[in-house]
């Protein structure tokens, strides 16, 4: 049975914060290849397909944009500020991905123009982001 709703629906995206487990953690960012924010650094991620969960979307987008294949991620938040995306109303679910050492990104997605590892601030560690169940 098809449903029709009178309320508009937001888009849903999933992003990955890929962080190394080093004493001084590094974070993987992509350089956006398209507008909005073309040329800016961002977490790998993108729009969720209708037949997947946000977790599946995060895993798929991470592989498409960086070539990194993961099976374990930790949800760290949802972000829903009304005007955060100029393309329209978007809600993002963020996931933390921990890697033992710096990774080399080799993604094939043209949404990502470049990749780089950045050192996180001194007071931020991977443990900061993982909530105990």
C-alpha atoms as a PDB file:
ATOM      1  CA  UNK A   1       0.000   0.000   0.000  1.00  0.00           C
ATOM      2  CA  UNK A   2       1.390   3.406  -0.986  1.00  0.00           C
ATOM      3  CA  UNK A   3       1.313   6.258   1.486  1.00  0.00           C
ATOM      4  CA  UNK A   4       1.092   9.967   0.807  1.00  0.00           C
ATOM      5  CA  UNK A   5       2.232  12.431   3.431  1.00  0.00           C
ATOM      6  CA  UNK A   6       1.398  16.111   3.656  1.00  0.00           C
ATOM      7  CA  UNK A   7       4.726  16.832   5.390  1.00  0.00           C
ATOM      8  CA  UNK A   8       7.939  17.408   3.430  1.00  0.00           C
ATOM      9  CA  UNK A   9      10.729  14.914   4.068  1.00  0.00           C
ATOM     10  CA  UNK A  10      14.378  15.750   4.674  1.00  0.00           C
ATOM     11  CA  UNK A  11      17.260  14.039   2.928  1.00  0.00           C
ATOM     12  CA  UNK A  12      19.437  11.735   5.053  1.00  0.00           C
ATOM     13  CA  UNK A  13      23.209  11.484   4.756  1.00  0.00           C
ATOM     14  CA  UNK A  14      25.878   9.481   6.563  1.00  0.00           C
ATOM     15  CA  UNK A  15      29.448  10.666   7.178  1.00  0.00           C
ATOM     16  CA  UNK A  16      32.534   8.869   8.490  1.00  0.00           C
ATOM     17  CA  UNK A  17      35.129  10.308  10.824  1.00  0.00           C
ATOM     18  CA  UNK A  18      38.113   8.073  10.074  1.00  0.00           C
ATOM     19  CA  UNK A  19      40.659   8.392  12.897  1.00  0.00           C
ATOM     20  CA  UNK A  20      43.921   6.588  13.541  1.00  0.00           C
ATOM     21  CA  UNK A  21      44.623   4.924  16.890  1.00  0.00           C
ATOM     22  CA  UNK A  22      48.041   6.589  17.096  1.00  0.00           C
ATOM     23  CA  UNK A  23      49.168   8.549  20.167  1.00  0.00           C
ATOM     24  CA  UNK A  24      48.633  11.678  18.070  1.00  0.00           C
ATOM     25  CA  UNK A  25      45.546  10.715  16.034  1.00  0.00           C
ATOM     26  CA  UNK A  26      45.098  11.693  12.417  1.00  0.00           C
ATOM     27  CA  UNK A  27      41.761  12.235  10.685  1.00  0.00           C
ATOM     28  CA  UNK A  28      41.086  11.425   7.022  1.00  0.00           C
ATOM     29  CA  UNK A  29      39.338  14.165   5.032  1.00  0.00           C
ATOM     30  CA  UNK A  30      38.318  14.406   1.400  1.00  0.00           C
ATOM     31  CA  UNK A  31      38.439  17.541  -0.690  1.00  0.00           C
ATOM     32  CA  UNK A  32      35.020  18.093  -2.228  1.00  0.00           C
ATOM     33  CA  UNK A  33      34.919  17.909  -6.015  1.00  0.00           C
ATOM     34  CA  UNK A  34      31.461  19.455  -6.456  1.00  0.00           C
ATOM     35  CA  UNK A  35      29.433  22.375  -5.173  1.00  0.00           C
ATOM     36  CA  UNK A  36      28.337  23.213  -2.656  1.00  0.00           C
ATOM     37  CA  UNK A  37      31.636  23.788  -0.890  1.00  0.00           C
ATOM     38  CA  UNK A  38      33.729  22.636  -3.871  1.00  0.00           C
ATOM     39  CA  UNK A  39      37.395  22.512  -2.832  1.00  0.00           C
ATOM     40  CA  UNK A  40      36.615  22.425   0.903  1.00  0.00           C
ATOM     41  CA  UNK A  41      37.744  19.597   3.180  1.00  0.00           C
ATOM     42  CA  UNK A  42      35.019  17.306   4.528  1.00  0.00           C
ATOM     43  CA  UNK A  43      34.415  13.932   6.123  1.00  0.00           C
ATOM     44  CA  UNK A  44      33.753  11.169   3.577  1.00  0.00           C
ATOM     45  CA  UNK A  45      30.043  10.505   3.229  1.00  0.00           C
ATOM     46  CA  UNK A  46      26.929  11.106   1.211  1.00  0.00           C
ATOM     47  CA  UNK A  47      23.243  10.521   0.675  1.00  0.00           C
ATOM     48  CA  UNK A  48      21.527   7.379   1.902  1.00  0.00           C
ATOM     49  CA  UNK A  49      19.790   5.164  -0.645  1.00  0.00           C
ATOM     50  CA  UNK A  50      16.178   4.186   0.051  1.00  0.00           C
ATOM     51  CA  UNK A  51      17.082   0.504   0.497  1.00  0.00           C
ATOM     52  CA  UNK A  52      19.882   0.913   3.056  1.00  0.00           C
ATOM     53  CA  UNK A  53      20.428   1.899   6.675  1.00  0.00           C
ATOM     54  CA  UNK A  54      22.560   4.889   7.614  1.00  0.00           C
ATOM     55  CA  UNK A  55      25.277   2.456   8.691  1.00  0.00           C
ATOM     56  CA  UNK A  56      25.222   0.726   5.292  1.00  0.00           C
ATOM     57  CA  UNK A  57      25.258   4.121   3.602  1.00  0.00           C
ATOM     58  CA  UNK A  58      28.305   5.212   5.617  1.00  0.00           C
ATOM     59  CA  UNK A  59      30.187   2.018   4.714  1.00  0.00           C
ATOM     60  CA  UNK A  60      29.280   2.343   1.008  1.00  0.00           C
ATOM     61  CA  UNK A  61      30.146   6.041   0.778  1.00  0.00           C
ATOM     62  CA  UNK A  62      33.446   5.533   2.597  1.00  0.00           C
ATOM     63  CA  UNK A  63      34.466   2.841   0.112  1.00  0.00           C
ATOM     64  CA  UNK A  64      33.304   4.886  -2.908  1.00  0.00           C
ATOM     65  CA  UNK A  65      35.119   8.035  -1.844  1.00  0.00           C
ATOM     66  CA  UNK A  66      38.294   6.598  -0.294  1.00  0.00           C
ATOM     67  CA  UNK A  67      38.588   2.924  -1.235  1.00  0.00           C
ATOM     68  CA  UNK A  68      38.606   2.056   2.472  1.00  0.00           C
ATOM     69  CA  UNK A  69      36.561  -1.069   3.273  1.00  0.00           C
ATOM     70  CA  UNK A  70      35.352  -1.320   6.871  1.00  0.00           C
ATOM     71  CA  UNK A  71      32.944  -3.517   8.782  1.00  0.00           C
ATOM     72  CA  UNK A  72      33.002  -1.811  12.170  1.00  0.00           C
ATOM     73  CA  UNK A  73      31.898   1.724  12.891  1.00  0.00           C
ATOM     74  CA  UNK A  74      30.476   3.562  15.886  1.00  0.00           C
ATOM     75  CA  UNK A  75      27.618   6.051  15.630  1.00  0.00           C
ATOM     76  CA  UNK A  76      28.727   9.302  17.266  1.00  0.00           C
ATOM     77  CA  UNK A  77      25.910  11.707  16.528  1.00  0.00           C
ATOM     78  CA  UNK A  78      23.153  13.066  14.348  1.00  0.00           C
ATOM     79  CA  UNK A  79      23.197  16.624  13.025  1.00  0.00           C
ATOM     80  CA  UNK A  80      20.023  18.398  11.975  1.00  0.00           C
ATOM     81  CA  UNK A  81      20.558  22.160  11.991  1.00  0.00           C
ATOM     82  CA  UNK A  82      17.855  23.471   9.664  1.00  0.00           C
ATOM     83  CA  UNK A  83      20.062  25.475   7.283  1.00  0.00           C
ATOM     84  CA  UNK A  84      23.248  23.387   7.414  1.00  0.00           C
ATOM     85  CA  UNK A  85      23.117  22.299   3.751  1.00  0.00           C
ATOM     86  CA  UNK A  86      22.300  24.730   0.920  1.00  0.00           C
ATOM     87  CA  UNK A  87      20.924  21.842  -1.194  1.00  0.00           C
ATOM     88  CA  UNK A  88      17.962  21.459   1.138  1.00  0.00           C
ATOM     89  CA  UNK A  89      16.862  20.062   4.471  1.00  0.00           C
ATOM     90  CA  UNK A  90      19.400  17.384   5.371  1.00  0.00           C
ATOM     91  CA  UNK A  91      19.973  15.272   8.460  1.00  0.00           C
ATOM     92  CA  UNK A  92      23.373  13.626   8.844  1.00  0.00           C
ATOM     93  CA  UNK A  93      24.265  10.609  10.965  1.00  0.00           C
ATOM     94  CA  UNK A  94      27.990  10.540  11.782  1.00  0.00           C
ATOM     95  CA  UNK A  95      30.075   7.436  12.419  1.00  0.00           C
ATOM     96  CA  UNK A  96      33.553   6.975  13.861  1.00  0.00           C
ATOM     97  CA  UNK A  97      35.866   4.540  12.071  1.00  0.00           C
ATOM     98  CA  UNK A  98      39.071   3.621  13.887  1.00  0.00           C
ATOM     99  CA  UNK A  99      42.103   2.447  11.930  1.00  0.00           C
ATOM    100  CA  UNK A 100      45.394   1.249  13.398  1.00  0.00           C
ATOM    101  CA  UNK A 101      47.614   3.379  11.169  1.00  0.00           C
ATOM    102  CA  UNK A 102      47.287   6.074   8.477  1.00  0.00           C
ATOM    103  CA  UNK A 103      45.501   4.900   5.354  1.00  0.00           C
ATOM    104  CA  UNK A 104      46.004   5.751   1.710  1.00  0.00           C
ATOM    105  CA  UNK A 105      42.777   6.806   0.021  1.00  0.00           C
ATOM    106  CA  UNK A 106      42.202   5.410  -3.459  1.00  0.00           C
ATOM    107  CA  UNK A 107      38.530   6.065  -4.057  1.00  0.00           C
ATOM    108  CA  UNK A 108      36.935   6.201  -7.482  1.00  0.00           C
ATOM    109  CA  UNK A 109      34.106   8.620  -6.639  1.00  0.00           C
ATOM    110  CA  UNK A 110      34.349  11.888  -8.558  1.00  0.00           C
ATOM    111  CA  UNK A 111      32.659  13.700  -5.659  1.00  0.00           C
ATOM    112  CA  UNK A 112      36.036  13.554  -3.875  1.00  0.00           C
ATOM    113  CA  UNK A 113      38.794  15.507  -5.625  1.00  0.00           C
ATOM    114  CA  UNK A 114      41.632  14.787  -3.189  1.00  0.00           C
ATOM    115  CA  UNK A 115      42.383  13.176   0.184  1.00  0.00           C
ATOM    116  CA  UNK A 116      44.597  14.025   3.126  1.00  0.00           C
ATOM    117  CA  UNK A 117      45.294  13.058   6.714  1.00  0.00           C
ATOM    118  CA  UNK A 118      45.211  15.838   9.275  1.00  0.00           C
ATOM    119  CA  UNK A 119      46.379  15.695  12.878  1.00  0.00           C
ATOM    120  CA  UNK A 120      43.570  16.157  15.369  1.00  0.00           C
ATOM    121  CA  UNK A 121      43.808  18.661  18.175  1.00  0.00           C
ATOM    122  CA  UNK A 122      45.991  17.507  21.096  1.00  0.00           C
ATOM    123  CA  UNK A 123      43.071  16.924  23.467  1.00  0.00           C
ATOM    124  CA  UNK A 124      41.047  14.796  21.024  1.00  0.00           C
ATOM    125  CA  UNK A 125      41.510  11.043  21.040  1.00  0.00           C
ATOM    126  CA  UNK A 126      39.485   8.214  19.568  1.00  0.00           C
ATOM    127  CA  UNK A 127      38.172   7.383  23.051  1.00  0.00           C
ATOM    128  CA  UNK A 128      36.629  10.859  23.219  1.00  0.00           C
ATOM    129  CA  UNK A 129      34.037   9.848  20.626  1.00  0.00           C
ATOM    130  CA  UNK A 130      33.027   6.362  21.682  1.00  0.00           C
ATOM    131  CA  UNK A 131      30.063   6.214  24.014  1.00  0.00           C
ATOM    132  CA  UNK A 132      29.831   3.239  26.308  1.00  0.00           C
ATOM    133  CA  UNK A 133      26.703   1.172  25.758  1.00  0.00           C
END
